[in-house]
Every structure is written in C-alpha cells, then in structure tokens.
Protein backbone atom coordinates (compact mmCIF):
# COMPACT_ATOMS: atom_id res chain seq x y z
CA MET A 1 0.00 0.00 0.00
CA LEU A 2 1.30 3.45 -0.92
CA THR A 3 0.97 6.05 1.83
CA GLY A 4 2.55 9.23 0.48
CA ILE A 5 4.98 10.82 -1.89
CA SER A 6 7.81 13.29 -1.29
CA PRO A 7 9.26 14.77 -4.45
CA LYS A 8 13.01 15.39 -4.61
CA LEU A 9 14.06 18.57 -6.39
CA PRO A 10 17.50 20.00 -7.18
CA MET A 11 18.92 23.00 -5.33
CA ARG A 12 22.13 24.94 -5.86
CA ASN A 13 22.37 26.55 -2.45
CA LYS A 14 20.78 25.05 0.65
CA ALA A 15 20.59 28.37 2.56
CA VAL A 16 18.82 30.12 -0.34
CA THR A 17 16.38 27.24 -0.84
CA LYS A 18 15.68 27.02 2.88
CA ASP A 19 15.05 30.77 3.08
CA PHE A 20 12.61 30.69 0.17
CA TYR A 21 10.54 27.75 1.40
CA VAL A 22 10.56 28.68 5.09
CA ASN A 23 10.36 32.47 4.98
CA GLN A 24 8.41 32.99 1.75
CA LEU A 25 6.12 29.95 1.54
CA GLY A 26 5.73 29.13 5.24
CA PHE A 27 7.22 25.63 5.22
CA SER A 28 9.28 24.38 8.16
CA VAL A 29 12.44 22.32 8.13
CA PHE A 30 12.13 18.76 9.37
CA GLY A 31 14.56 15.90 9.76
CA SER A 32 18.20 16.78 10.24
CA PRO A 33 18.66 20.39 9.11
CA ASP A 34 22.44 20.04 9.27
CA PHE A 35 22.69 17.12 6.85
CA ASP A 36 25.13 18.27 4.20
CA GLY A 37 23.69 18.67 0.70
CA TYR A 38 20.12 17.66 1.57
CA LEU A 39 17.09 19.58 2.82
CA MET A 40 13.58 18.49 3.78
CA VAL A 41 10.70 20.91 4.30
CA GLN A 42 7.09 20.38 5.28
CA LYS A 43 3.86 22.35 5.38
CA ASP A 44 0.64 20.72 6.51
CA HIS A 45 0.65 17.30 4.77
CA VAL A 46 3.16 18.20 2.03
CA GLN A 47 6.84 17.31 2.20
CA ILE A 48 9.45 18.30 -0.37
CA HIS A 49 13.03 17.06 -0.36
CA PHE A 50 15.96 18.82 -2.03
CA PHE A 51 19.33 17.47 -3.10
CA GLU A 52 22.38 19.59 -3.75
CA PHE A 53 23.23 20.15 -7.42
CA LYS A 54 25.74 23.02 -7.40
CA ASN A 55 26.20 23.02 -11.19
CA LEU A 56 22.47 23.24 -11.94
CA ASN A 57 21.63 25.70 -14.68
CA PRO A 58 18.25 27.09 -13.51
CA THR A 59 17.15 27.89 -17.06
CA GLU A 60 17.55 24.19 -17.91
CA ASN A 61 15.80 22.87 -14.80
CA TYR A 62 12.47 21.15 -15.41
CA GLY A 63 11.69 20.19 -11.79
CA GLN A 64 7.96 20.48 -11.14
CA VAL A 65 5.57 19.72 -8.30
CA TYR A 66 1.76 19.96 -8.23
CA ILE A 67 0.43 20.81 -4.76
CA ARG A 68 -3.27 20.54 -4.00
CA THR A 69 -4.82 23.05 -1.61
CA ASN A 70 -8.18 24.16 -0.28
CA GLN A 71 -7.04 27.80 0.10
CA ILE A 72 -5.97 28.77 -3.41
CA GLU A 73 -7.06 32.42 -3.17
CA GLN A 74 -5.18 32.96 0.10
CA LEU A 75 -2.01 31.30 -1.24
CA TYR A 76 -2.16 33.33 -4.43
CA GLN A 77 -2.57 36.59 -2.51
CA THR A 78 0.41 35.65 -0.34
CA ALA A 79 2.48 34.99 -3.48
CA LEU A 80 1.50 38.39 -4.85
CA ASN A 81 2.16 40.19 -1.56
CA LYS A 82 5.60 38.61 -1.26
CA ASN A 83 6.39 39.32 -4.90
CA LEU A 84 7.26 35.69 -5.58
CA GLY A 85 8.37 34.60 -9.03
CA ILE A 86 5.08 33.98 -10.81
CA PRO A 87 5.74 33.04 -14.44
CA GLN A 88 3.82 35.02 -17.06
CA ALA A 89 1.43 32.10 -17.68
CA GLY A 90 1.34 31.18 -13.98
CA HIS A 91 -1.18 33.65 -12.62
CA LEU A 92 -4.36 32.38 -11.01
CA GLN A 93 -6.77 30.95 -13.56
CA VAL A 94 -9.51 28.38 -13.94
CA LYS A 95 -8.37 25.44 -16.05
CA PRO A 96 -10.57 23.34 -18.35
CA TRP A 97 -9.86 20.27 -16.20
CA GLY A 98 -11.80 21.72 -13.27
CA GLN A 99 -8.96 23.21 -11.24
CA LYS A 100 -8.14 26.75 -10.19
CA GLU A 101 -4.33 27.05 -10.38
CA PHE A 102 -1.31 29.31 -10.15
CA SER A 103 2.43 28.67 -10.22
CA VAL A 104 5.62 30.07 -8.74
CA LEU A 105 9.27 29.44 -9.50
CA ASP A 106 11.68 28.82 -6.65
CA PRO A 107 15.26 30.19 -6.78
CA ASP A 108 16.39 27.17 -8.84
CA HIS A 109 13.42 27.39 -11.24
CA ASN A 110 11.60 24.39 -9.80
CA LEU A 111 7.99 25.05 -10.78
CA LEU A 112 5.46 24.78 -7.96
CA THR A 113 1.88 24.68 -9.20
CA PHE A 114 -0.86 25.06 -6.61
CA GLY A 115 -4.31 23.78 -7.51
CA GLN A 116 -7.77 23.61 -5.99
CA SER A 117 -10.72 21.64 -7.34
CA LEU A 118 -13.71 23.73 -8.33
C-alpha cells in the first residue's frame, strides 16, 4: 500500500532554498537540518526534499511539483504580496480540467503549481 509521496528537487544553495521555502512559503524544516547537501521541508501534509546540485543551470531545470490546496485564493494573494516569481502564464486561472491554479518558480526554477478543485 502506498501512503505518500515526497518529491526530490534539485537545489544549488541550501541556505537560499531554505530561506525561500521557510520564509516565503511558510514551510518548516524537518529531519536533520544540518545534513550536508540535503534539505527536507514540510507544510501541513506536504513534504518536499531537495538534493544539492551546485552546477544546476536554472534555465535548464524542469523540476515540477503539483500541490493541492483548499485555500488557493489565500495562497495566491500571499504569493502576490511577497512578490514571488510567478511566471507570465502562472497567474491564477480556472483550467478546463476543473482546477483553479497558479504557479511560482523557486530560486532554482523548480515550478510549484498550486491547484484547488472547483
């Protein structure tokens, strides 16, 4: 039986990634925060892991995560208020597949798409 999933995304700089997820998105660090080259963050029931990839070219990074929420409007307003990196096509919109979605890019250009069922 499967009980959960924790995506692993690349990061160039642990301190920068930690700052973005903790201070901008409201995640908290869990596990061993001092483990070299690895970071784990959690918010509510969502966990994301990061592995160090110092030579990552952000413009060639295709890391993506889809995060379901029941507070899409509040999250979107927070993203706007904090001036997070919302791609041009990533602003809040209703999709034909019955989701309201928006996206942000983290410092390494991992795309985080937040979605709520209509």
